[in-house]
Amino acid sequence: MSNWSYTALFIFFLLVIGRNIFLLATKLFSAEPILYELNYKELILLGVSISYTLTYITYQLESKRGNC
């Protein structure tokens, strides 16, 4: 995964995850907590973001250890 496009995709997905964490925290800690709802497209994007991020981190850790 030495290609820069994988790293750029990883950074984009980290931003998506960070945005959702921020929105969840603001809705949870507001004066009157509101339900955090995602539409279908946002839910799919968040799921893909989490799975790609975990896969990228796992692959990077394995390649550092020399097993890949």
N, C-alpha and C. Protein backbone atom coordinates (compact mmCIF):
# COMPACT_ATOMS: atom_id res chain seq x y z
N MET A 1 0.82 -1.19 0.00
CA MET A 1 0.00 0.00 0.00
C MET A 1 0.86 1.26 0.00
N SER A 2 1.88 1.25 -0.79
CA SER A 2 2.76 2.41 -0.83
C SER A 2 2.22 3.49 -1.77
N ASN A 3 1.08 3.26 -2.37
CA ASN A 3 0.49 4.23 -3.28
C ASN A 3 -0.18 5.34 -2.47
N TRP A 4 -0.04 6.59 -2.91
CA TRP A 4 -0.58 7.72 -2.17
C TRP A 4 -2.10 7.75 -2.17
N SER A 5 -2.74 7.12 -3.15
CA SER A 5 -4.21 7.17 -3.22
C SER A 5 -4.85 6.42 -2.04
N TYR A 6 -4.21 5.36 -1.57
CA TYR A 6 -4.74 4.64 -0.41
C TYR A 6 -4.66 5.50 0.85
N THR A 7 -3.58 6.25 0.96
CA THR A 7 -3.42 7.13 2.11
C THR A 7 -4.43 8.29 2.05
N ALA A 8 -4.66 8.83 0.87
CA ALA A 8 -5.63 9.91 0.72
C ALA A 8 -7.04 9.42 1.06
N LEU A 9 -7.37 8.22 0.61
CA LEU A 9 -8.66 7.63 0.94
C LEU A 9 -8.78 7.40 2.44
N PHE A 10 -7.71 6.96 3.06
CA PHE A 10 -7.68 6.74 4.51
C PHE A 10 -7.94 8.05 5.25
N ILE A 11 -7.32 9.13 4.82
CA ILE A 11 -7.51 10.43 5.47
C ILE A 11 -8.94 10.92 5.27
N PHE A 12 -9.49 10.74 4.08
CA PHE A 12 -10.88 11.13 3.84
C PHE A 12 -11.83 10.36 4.77
N PHE A 13 -11.61 9.06 4.90
CA PHE A 13 -12.48 8.26 5.75
C PHE A 13 -12.31 8.61 7.23
N LEU A 14 -11.11 9.01 7.63
CA LEU A 14 -10.92 9.48 9.01
C LEU A 14 -11.72 10.76 9.25
N LEU A 15 -11.77 11.63 8.25
CA LEU A 15 -12.57 12.85 8.38
C LEU A 15 -14.06 12.54 8.48
N VAL A 16 -14.52 11.55 7.74
CA VAL A 16 -15.93 11.14 7.82
C VAL A 16 -16.25 10.60 9.21
N ILE A 17 -15.38 9.76 9.74
CA ILE A 17 -15.58 9.19 11.07
C ILE A 17 -15.53 10.30 12.12
N GLY A 18 -14.57 11.20 12.01
CA GLY A 18 -14.46 12.31 12.96
C GLY A 18 -15.68 13.21 12.94
N ARG A 19 -16.22 13.48 11.77
CA ARG A 19 -17.42 14.31 11.65
C ARG A 19 -18.60 13.65 12.35
N ASN A 20 -18.75 12.34 12.15
CA ASN A 20 -19.87 11.64 12.79
C ASN A 20 -19.71 11.57 14.30
N ILE A 21 -18.49 11.43 14.77
CA ILE A 21 -18.25 11.44 16.22
C ILE A 21 -18.58 12.82 16.78
N PHE A 22 -18.18 13.88 16.08
CA PHE A 22 -18.48 15.24 16.52
C PHE A 22 -19.98 15.49 16.57
N LEU A 23 -20.70 15.10 15.51
CA LEU A 23 -22.15 15.31 15.48
C LEU A 23 -22.84 14.51 16.57
N LEU A 24 -22.40 13.29 16.82
CA LEU A 24 -22.97 12.48 17.89
C LEU A 24 -22.74 13.12 19.24
N ALA A 25 -21.52 13.62 19.48
CA ALA A 25 -21.21 14.24 20.77
C ALA A 25 -22.00 15.52 20.98
N THR A 26 -22.15 16.33 19.94
CA THR A 26 -22.91 17.57 20.11
C THR A 26 -24.38 17.30 20.37
N LYS A 27 -24.93 16.30 19.72
CA LYS A 27 -26.33 15.97 19.97
C LYS A 27 -26.51 15.32 21.34
N LEU A 28 -25.54 14.55 21.77
CA LEU A 28 -25.64 13.85 23.05
C LEU A 28 -25.48 14.80 24.23
N PHE A 29 -24.56 15.76 24.11
CA PHE A 29 -24.26 16.65 25.23
C PHE A 29 -24.97 18.01 25.13
N SER A 30 -25.93 18.15 24.24
CA SER A 30 -26.69 19.40 24.17
C SER A 30 -27.62 19.50 25.38
N ALA A 31 -28.19 20.68 25.60
CA ALA A 31 -29.06 20.89 26.76
C ALA A 31 -30.22 19.90 26.76
N GLU A 32 -30.78 19.68 25.59
CA GLU A 32 -31.83 18.67 25.45
C GLU A 32 -31.36 17.67 24.39
N PRO A 33 -30.87 16.49 24.80
CA PRO A 33 -30.34 15.53 23.82
C PRO A 33 -31.37 15.17 22.75
N ILE A 34 -30.90 15.14 21.51
CA ILE A 34 -31.76 14.82 20.38
C ILE A 34 -31.31 13.49 19.79
N LEU A 35 -32.21 12.81 19.12
CA LEU A 35 -31.91 11.54 18.49
C LEU A 35 -30.96 11.76 17.31
N TYR A 36 -29.91 10.95 17.23
CA TYR A 36 -28.95 11.05 16.13
C TYR A 36 -29.37 10.07 15.04
N GLU A 37 -29.85 10.60 13.94
CA GLU A 37 -30.33 9.77 12.85
C GLU A 37 -29.45 9.94 11.62
N LEU A 38 -29.23 8.83 10.93
CA LEU A 38 -28.49 8.85 9.67
C LEU A 38 -29.39 8.30 8.58
N ASN A 39 -29.36 8.92 7.41
CA ASN A 39 -30.11 8.32 6.32
C ASN A 39 -29.31 7.16 5.74
N TYR A 40 -29.87 6.49 4.77
CA TYR A 40 -29.27 5.26 4.25
C TYR A 40 -27.88 5.50 3.66
N LYS A 41 -27.73 6.56 2.87
CA LYS A 41 -26.43 6.84 2.24
C LYS A 41 -25.36 7.18 3.27
N GLU A 42 -25.73 7.97 4.29
CA GLU A 42 -24.77 8.32 5.34
C GLU A 42 -24.36 7.08 6.14
N LEU A 43 -25.31 6.19 6.38
CA LEU A 43 -25.02 4.97 7.12
C LEU A 43 -24.08 4.06 6.34
N ILE A 44 -24.30 3.94 5.04
CA ILE A 44 -23.41 3.14 4.19
C ILE A 44 -22.01 3.75 4.17
N LEU A 45 -21.93 5.08 4.00
CA LEU A 45 -20.63 5.75 3.97
C LEU A 45 -19.88 5.56 5.29
N LEU A 46 -20.58 5.66 6.40
CA LEU A 46 -19.93 5.48 7.70
C LEU A 46 -19.46 4.05 7.87
N GLY A 47 -20.26 3.08 7.45
CA GLY A 47 -19.86 1.68 7.54
C GLY A 47 -18.64 1.37 6.69
N VAL A 48 -18.62 1.88 5.47
CA VAL A 48 -17.47 1.68 4.59
C VAL A 48 -16.23 2.38 5.17
N SER A 49 -16.43 3.55 5.73
CA SER A 49 -15.31 4.30 6.32
C SER A 49 -14.68 3.54 7.48
N ILE A 50 -15.51 3.00 8.36
CA ILE A 50 -14.99 2.25 9.50
C ILE A 50 -14.28 0.99 9.04
N SER A 51 -14.88 0.26 8.10
CA SER A 51 -14.26 -0.99 7.66
C SER A 51 -12.95 -0.73 6.91
N TYR A 52 -12.91 0.31 6.06
CA TYR A 52 -11.67 0.62 5.35
C TYR A 52 -10.58 1.08 6.32
N THR A 53 -10.95 1.89 7.31
CA THR A 53 -9.97 2.38 8.27
C THR A 53 -9.36 1.22 9.06
N LEU A 54 -10.20 0.30 9.52
CA LEU A 54 -9.67 -0.86 10.25
C LEU A 54 -8.79 -1.74 9.36
N THR A 55 -9.21 -1.92 8.11
CA THR A 55 -8.42 -2.72 7.18
C THR A 55 -7.08 -2.06 6.89
N TYR A 56 -7.07 -0.75 6.68
CA TYR A 56 -5.85 0.00 6.39
C TYR A 56 -4.87 -0.08 7.57
N ILE A 57 -5.39 0.13 8.78
CA ILE A 57 -4.53 0.07 9.96
C ILE A 57 -3.97 -1.33 10.15
N THR A 58 -4.81 -2.35 9.98
CA THR A 58 -4.34 -3.73 10.11
C THR A 58 -3.27 -4.05 9.08
N TYR A 59 -3.49 -3.64 7.84
CA TYR A 59 -2.52 -3.89 6.79
C TYR A 59 -1.19 -3.18 7.07
N GLN A 60 -1.27 -1.95 7.52
CA GLN A 60 -0.05 -1.20 7.83
C GLN A 60 0.72 -1.84 8.98
N LEU A 61 0.01 -2.31 10.00
CA LEU A 61 0.69 -2.96 11.11
C LEU A 61 1.34 -4.27 10.68
N GLU A 62 0.66 -5.02 9.83
CA GLU A 62 1.22 -6.28 9.34
C GLU A 62 2.43 -6.03 8.44
N SER A 63 2.38 -5.01 7.61
CA SER A 63 3.51 -4.74 6.72
C SER A 63 4.73 -4.23 7.51
N LYS A 64 4.49 -3.54 8.62
CA LYS A 64 5.61 -3.09 9.46
C LYS A 64 6.31 -4.27 10.12
N ARG A 65 5.52 -5.30 10.44
CA ARG A 65 6.10 -6.48 11.09
C ARG A 65 6.75 -7.42 10.08
N GLY A 66 6.51 -7.19 8.79
CA GLY A 66 7.14 -7.99 7.75
C GLY A 66 6.38 -9.25 7.40
N ASN A 67 5.14 -9.34 7.80
CA ASN A 67 4.34 -10.53 7.52
C ASN A 67 3.58 -10.43 6.21
N CYS A 68 3.61 -9.29 5.55
CA CYS A 68 2.81 -9.11 4.36
C CYS A 68 3.66 -9.05 3.12
